[in-house]
Amino acid sequence: CPALLARLAGAVRASRGLAAGPEMHFGFQTVTEEERREKIYQVFESVAKKYDVMNDSMTLGIHRVWKDILMHKMNPCPGTLLLDVAGGTGDIAFRFINYVRSVRQRQLQRKLKQHQNLSWQEIFESYQKDKFDSLGDSQVVVCDINREMLKVGKQKAQHLGYSKGLSWVLGNAEELPFDDDKFDVYTIAFGIRNVTRIDLALQEAYRVLKPGGRFLCLEFSHVSNPLLSRLYDLYSFQVIPVLGEVIAGDWKSYQYLVESIRQFPPQEELKAMIEDAGFFKVDYENLNFGIVAIHSGFKL
């Protein structure tokens, strides 16, 4: 009987382990897939309200420059349909709207300059008409799995006056709630390393993009310079968790975020994963010696 009970107990433990999924990293811890998904959700639920402040503190504001570079690399034109995944607080979405508005404004100015023979009234009416269509049918959909992050993003949008051409969707990067071949551009900024199954997220990115659509990923990566790498490690592990505790009252979440960067695939490995998902013309650009990298690929 004891032997039979022991075998039954072992079978139960094995079945639980099978149901929980394979083991994977949560920072430097080893957890099941389901545990990792739950822990990451809790991390971002915890840091949502202080997320933007901590980004400024951790990167000394440089994250804003990195996101601007991403937007210039995208170079969206009026009419672009963008899906921004894991973009809960709206940083990429707001930049996209500003960028497209700027392009539309330049187009309108060129158009009016080409019609010097128009009367003042005709110029005024044309300007007023185009002003109300400042995005030229462009739209950005922000998709995030975390309700708290979306809540913060919506509050920011309301405070900053963003409404037209912007929508918010609760959804999982590994199982996006969108049709095939829908978007012109897919972005994910500082989010893909927190996805439980990166391969599934990349496959979903490929699925929802139109043929000719572009995938862009901005993420912390691996520093190539040995001296800078040691200094970066020192700053990451000794300073960032302290900032997390002082500013957000949350040491553990920022300890995880630092550890997750070290566990993330290096540039060439992520490039290969993007190619495996079906993307072509895949390349990457290192920023600040590889502290972050922008990966790009096209669905052809």
Protein backbone atom coordinates (compact mmCIF):
# COMPACT_ATOMS: atom_id res chain seq x y z
CA CYS A 1 0.00 0.00 0.00
CA PRO A 2 2.69 2.56 0.84
CA ALA A 3 4.41 1.77 -2.47
CA LEU A 4 1.14 2.14 -4.38
CA LEU A 5 0.40 5.46 -2.66
CA ALA A 6 3.87 6.70 -3.45
CA ARG A 7 3.42 5.82 -7.12
CA LEU A 8 0.03 7.55 -7.19
CA ALA A 9 1.48 10.66 -5.55
CA GLY A 10 4.30 10.70 -8.08
CA ALA A 11 1.81 10.39 -10.94
CA VAL A 12 -0.19 13.32 -9.58
CA ARG A 13 2.94 15.47 -9.28
CA ALA A 14 3.97 14.51 -12.80
CA SER A 15 0.55 15.32 -14.22
CA ARG A 16 0.61 18.70 -12.46
CA GLY A 17 4.03 19.42 -13.89
CA LEU A 18 2.85 18.45 -17.37
CA ALA A 19 -0.20 20.69 -17.08
CA ALA A 20 1.87 23.59 -15.85
CA GLY A 21 4.05 23.45 -18.95
CA PRO A 22 7.81 23.42 -19.48
CA GLU A 23 10.22 25.22 -17.19
CA MET A 24 11.50 28.64 -18.21
CA HIS A 25 13.19 31.71 -16.78
CA PHE A 26 11.63 34.42 -14.68
CA GLY A 27 14.68 36.60 -14.24
CA PHE A 28 17.23 34.26 -12.69
CA GLN A 29 14.54 31.96 -11.27
CA THR A 30 13.30 28.79 -12.97
CA VAL A 31 9.51 28.56 -13.07
CA THR A 32 6.78 26.91 -15.12
CA GLU A 33 5.28 28.66 -18.12
CA GLU A 34 2.08 29.43 -16.26
CA GLU A 35 3.96 30.73 -13.21
CA ARG A 36 6.04 33.00 -15.42
CA ARG A 37 2.97 34.42 -17.12
CA GLU A 38 1.33 35.15 -13.77
CA LYS A 39 4.46 36.65 -12.21
CA ILE A 40 5.05 38.97 -15.15
CA TYR A 41 1.43 40.13 -15.02
CA GLN A 42 1.88 40.93 -11.34
CA VAL A 43 5.11 42.84 -12.04
CA PHE A 44 3.44 45.22 -14.49
CA GLU A 45 0.30 45.52 -12.43
CA SER A 46 2.57 46.63 -9.59
CA VAL A 47 4.69 49.12 -11.56
CA ALA A 48 2.03 50.55 -13.91
CA LYS A 49 1.44 53.85 -12.08
CA LYS A 50 5.16 54.59 -11.76
CA TYR A 51 6.21 53.01 -15.06
CA ASP A 52 6.93 56.24 -16.96
CA VAL A 53 8.71 57.88 -14.02
CA MET A 54 10.89 54.81 -13.55
CA ASN A 55 11.74 54.70 -17.26
CA ASP A 56 13.01 58.26 -17.03
CA SER A 57 14.96 57.50 -13.85
CA MET A 58 16.50 54.21 -15.01
CA THR A 59 17.61 55.47 -18.44
CA LEU A 60 18.22 59.13 -17.47
CA GLY A 61 15.54 59.99 -20.02
CA ILE A 62 17.36 58.33 -22.93
CA HIS A 63 14.44 55.95 -23.53
CA ARG A 64 12.67 58.92 -25.12
CA VAL A 65 15.46 59.26 -27.69
CA TRP A 66 15.38 55.52 -28.42
CA LYS A 67 11.62 55.68 -29.07
CA ASP A 68 12.07 58.74 -31.30
CA ILE A 69 14.66 56.80 -33.33
CA LEU A 70 12.21 53.91 -33.65
CA MET A 71 9.56 56.28 -34.99
CA HIS A 72 11.93 57.86 -37.52
CA LYS A 73 12.97 54.39 -38.63
CA MET A 74 9.29 53.53 -39.14
CA ASN A 75 8.67 56.81 -40.99
CA PRO A 76 4.89 56.31 -41.17
CA CYS A 77 2.88 58.08 -43.83
CA PRO A 78 -0.74 59.24 -43.53
CA GLY A 79 -3.08 56.28 -43.81
CA THR A 80 -0.77 53.88 -41.92
CA LEU A 81 -2.47 51.37 -39.63
CA LEU A 82 -0.19 50.59 -36.69
CA LEU A 83 -0.49 47.88 -34.06
CA ASP A 84 1.58 48.66 -30.96
CA VAL A 85 1.82 45.56 -28.76
CA ALA A 86 2.70 45.78 -25.07
CA GLY A 87 2.35 49.54 -25.45
CA GLY A 88 0.02 50.11 -22.51
CA THR A 89 1.20 53.56 -21.44
CA GLY A 90 0.98 54.94 -24.99
CA ASP A 91 4.52 56.22 -25.59
CA ILE A 92 4.80 54.77 -29.10
CA ALA A 93 1.17 55.52 -29.97
CA PHE A 94 1.46 59.21 -29.06
CA ARG A 95 4.70 59.55 -31.03
CA PHE A 96 3.04 57.92 -34.03
CA ILE A 97 0.15 60.38 -33.93
CA ASN A 98 2.51 63.36 -33.60
CA TYR A 99 4.70 62.10 -36.44
CA VAL A 100 1.78 61.57 -38.85
CA ARG A 101 0.29 64.95 -37.95
CA SER A 102 3.63 66.57 -38.76
CA VAL A 103 3.78 64.80 -42.14
CA ARG A 104 0.20 65.86 -42.92
CA GLN A 105 1.00 69.46 -42.00
CA ARG A 106 3.97 69.52 -44.38
CA GLN A 107 1.83 67.98 -47.13
CA LEU A 108 -0.84 70.65 -46.64
CA GLN A 109 1.72 73.46 -46.76
CA ARG A 110 3.21 72.10 -50.01
CA LYS A 111 -0.26 71.74 -51.48
CA LEU A 112 -1.19 75.34 -50.70
CA LYS A 113 2.12 76.68 -52.04
CA GLN A 114 1.40 74.99 -55.37
CA HIS A 115 -1.87 76.92 -55.66
CA GLN A 116 -0.67 80.50 -55.43
CA ASN A 117 -3.59 81.68 -57.58
CA LEU A 118 -6.19 80.64 -54.99
CA SER A 119 -8.10 83.33 -53.17
CA TRP A 120 -7.68 83.84 -49.43
CA GLN A 121 -11.14 82.34 -48.87
CA GLU A 122 -10.28 79.22 -50.91
CA ILE A 123 -6.99 78.77 -49.05
CA PHE A 124 -8.74 79.17 -45.69
CA GLU A 125 -11.47 76.66 -46.56
CA SER A 126 -8.95 74.14 -47.88
CA TYR A 127 -6.82 74.50 -44.76
CA GLN A 128 -9.80 74.07 -42.43
CA LYS A 129 -10.99 71.00 -44.30
CA ASP A 130 -7.59 69.26 -44.19
CA LYS A 131 -6.93 70.34 -40.60
CA PHE A 132 -9.81 68.18 -39.36
CA ASP A 133 -8.25 65.18 -41.12
CA SER A 134 -4.84 65.69 -39.53
CA LEU A 135 -4.06 61.95 -39.45
CA GLY A 136 -5.12 61.15 -43.02
CA ASP A 137 -7.02 58.00 -41.95
CA SER A 138 -4.04 56.77 -39.91
CA GLN A 139 -4.85 54.73 -36.84
CA VAL A 140 -2.92 53.17 -34.00
CA VAL A 141 -4.21 50.27 -31.93
CA VAL A 142 -2.53 49.79 -28.56
CA CYS A 143 -2.73 46.19 -27.41
CA ASP A 144 -1.60 45.15 -23.94
CA ILE A 145 -2.29 42.12 -21.75
CA ASN A 146 -2.27 44.17 -18.55
CA ARG A 147 -5.40 46.13 -17.57
CA GLU A 148 -3.50 48.49 -15.26
CA MET A 149 -1.04 49.47 -17.99
CA LEU A 150 -3.92 50.18 -20.37
CA LYS A 151 -5.67 52.19 -17.68
CA VAL A 152 -2.59 54.38 -17.24
CA GLY A 153 -2.29 54.82 -21.01
CA LYS A 154 -5.91 55.87 -21.40
CA GLN A 155 -5.53 58.41 -18.58
CA LYS A 156 -2.42 59.86 -20.25
CA ALA A 157 -4.20 60.06 -23.60
CA GLN A 158 -7.11 61.94 -22.06
CA HIS A 159 -4.77 64.30 -20.20
CA LEU A 160 -2.65 65.01 -23.30
CA GLY A 161 -5.63 65.35 -25.64
CA TYR A 162 -5.16 62.26 -27.82
CA SER A 163 -8.39 60.66 -28.98
CA LYS A 164 -8.75 60.60 -32.77
CA GLY A 165 -7.12 57.65 -34.51
CA LEU A 166 -6.35 55.85 -31.24
CA SER A 167 -7.88 52.74 -29.70
CA TRP A 168 -7.04 50.43 -26.80
CA VAL A 169 -7.41 46.65 -26.80
CA LEU A 170 -6.82 44.12 -24.04
CA GLY A 171 -4.99 41.21 -25.64
CA ASN A 172 -2.17 38.70 -25.45
CA ALA A 173 0.80 39.06 -27.82
CA GLU A 174 0.83 35.27 -28.21
CA GLU A 175 -2.81 35.17 -29.34
CA LEU A 176 -3.76 38.52 -30.83
CA PRO A 177 -7.50 39.31 -31.16
CA PHE A 178 -7.15 40.59 -34.75
CA ASP A 179 -7.77 39.26 -38.25
CA ASP A 180 -5.02 38.13 -40.61
CA ASP A 181 -3.30 40.69 -42.89
CA LYS A 182 -4.75 43.70 -41.07
CA PHE A 183 -1.91 46.09 -40.09
CA ASP A 184 0.76 47.98 -42.02
CA VAL A 185 3.22 48.12 -39.11
CA TYR A 186 3.65 46.12 -35.89
CA THR A 187 5.73 47.56 -33.06
CA ILE A 188 6.71 46.18 -29.70
CA ALA A 189 8.91 48.38 -27.51
CA PHE A 190 10.48 46.96 -24.34
CA GLY A 191 7.84 44.26 -24.27
CA ILE A 192 8.99 41.20 -26.15
CA ARG A 193 11.35 40.00 -23.41
CA ASN A 194 8.33 39.78 -21.10
CA VAL A 195 6.38 37.59 -23.49
CA THR A 196 6.19 34.00 -22.27
CA ARG A 197 6.60 32.43 -25.72
CA ILE A 198 8.57 34.76 -28.00
CA ASP A 199 8.20 32.38 -30.94
CA LEU A 200 4.39 32.51 -30.71
CA ALA A 201 4.42 36.31 -30.41
CA LEU A 202 6.55 36.58 -33.56
CA GLN A 203 4.24 34.21 -35.45
CA GLU A 204 1.27 36.33 -34.41
CA ALA A 205 3.06 39.51 -35.52
CA TYR A 206 3.60 37.92 -38.93
CA ARG A 207 -0.04 36.77 -39.14
CA VAL A 208 -1.66 40.15 -38.47
CA LEU A 209 0.63 42.14 -40.78
CA LYS A 210 -0.38 42.81 -44.36
CA PRO A 211 1.93 41.54 -47.12
CA GLY A 212 4.62 44.22 -47.31
CA GLY A 213 4.01 45.11 -43.66
CA ARG A 214 6.86 45.86 -41.30
CA PHE A 215 7.82 44.43 -37.92
CA LEU A 216 9.79 46.68 -35.55
CA CYS A 217 11.06 45.68 -32.12
CA LEU A 218 12.84 48.00 -29.68
CA GLU A 219 14.36 46.08 -26.80
CA PHE A 220 17.20 46.02 -24.31
CA SER A 221 19.96 43.85 -25.71
CA HIS A 222 23.57 42.81 -25.16
CA VAL A 223 26.48 45.25 -24.84
CA SER A 224 29.50 44.37 -26.96
CA ASN A 225 32.14 46.51 -25.23
CA PRO A 226 33.56 44.52 -22.23
CA LEU A 227 34.34 47.58 -20.09
CA LEU A 228 30.97 49.20 -20.76
CA SER A 229 29.29 45.84 -20.11
CA ARG A 230 30.81 45.65 -16.61
CA LEU A 231 29.80 49.23 -15.83
CA TYR A 232 26.32 48.55 -17.17
CA ASP A 233 25.99 45.46 -14.96
CA LEU A 234 27.12 47.43 -11.94
CA TYR A 235 24.57 50.15 -12.60
CA SER A 236 21.80 47.67 -13.40
CA PHE A 237 22.11 45.47 -10.35
CA GLN A 238 23.23 48.03 -7.79
CA VAL A 239 21.26 51.12 -8.77
CA ILE A 240 18.06 50.21 -10.63
CA PRO A 241 16.49 48.04 -7.88
CA VAL A 242 17.25 50.81 -5.38
CA LEU A 243 15.50 53.33 -7.65
CA GLY A 244 12.58 50.92 -7.88
CA GLU A 245 12.32 50.81 -4.11
CA VAL A 246 12.69 54.58 -3.63
CA ILE A 247 10.40 55.73 -6.45
CA ALA A 248 7.90 52.90 -6.83
CA GLY A 249 8.25 51.11 -3.49
CA ASP A 250 8.99 47.92 -5.40
CA TRP A 251 12.49 46.41 -5.28
CA LYS A 252 11.55 42.93 -6.54
CA SER A 253 9.85 44.01 -9.75
CA TYR A 254 12.83 46.05 -10.88
CA GLN A 255 15.24 43.33 -9.83
CA TYR A 256 13.29 41.05 -12.19
CA LEU A 257 13.36 43.60 -15.01
CA VAL A 258 17.17 43.82 -14.76
CA GLU A 259 17.52 40.03 -14.66
CA SER A 260 15.13 39.62 -17.61
CA ILE A 261 17.44 41.75 -19.76
CA ARG A 262 20.36 39.42 -19.02
CA GLN A 263 18.26 36.36 -19.92
CA PHE A 264 17.04 37.86 -23.21
CA PRO A 265 18.49 36.45 -26.46
CA PRO A 266 21.37 38.44 -27.96
CA GLN A 267 20.96 40.35 -31.20
CA GLU A 268 21.90 37.60 -33.67
CA GLU A 269 19.78 35.00 -31.89
CA LEU A 270 16.70 37.24 -31.91
CA LYS A 271 17.34 38.01 -35.58
CA ALA A 272 17.27 34.27 -36.33
CA MET A 273 14.01 33.87 -34.39
CA ILE A 274 12.41 36.68 -36.41
CA GLU A 275 13.53 35.00 -39.64
CA ASP A 276 12.15 31.67 -38.42
CA ALA A 277 8.76 33.35 -37.99
CA GLY A 278 8.77 34.06 -41.74
CA PHE A 279 10.08 37.64 -41.95
CA PHE A 280 12.47 38.77 -44.70
CA LYS A 281 15.12 41.50 -44.87
CA VAL A 282 15.65 41.12 -41.13
CA ASP A 283 18.32 43.34 -39.60
CA TYR A 284 19.02 45.26 -36.42
CA GLU A 285 20.59 48.51 -35.31
CA ASN A 286 22.45 48.77 -32.01
CA LEU A 287 21.93 51.94 -30.00
CA ASN A 288 24.36 53.01 -27.27
CA PHE A 289 26.76 50.11 -27.95
CA GLY A 290 23.97 47.53 -27.82
CA ILE A 291 22.28 48.57 -24.58
CA VAL A 292 19.21 48.51 -26.78
CA ALA A 293 18.64 47.34 -30.35
CA ILE A 294 15.98 47.92 -32.97
CA HIS A 295 15.13 44.79 -34.96
CA SER A 296 13.31 45.15 -38.26
CA GLY A 297 11.71 42.70 -40.68
CA PHE A 298 9.16 42.60 -43.50
CA LYS A 299 6.32 40.28 -44.38
CA LEU A 300 6.73 39.65 -48.12
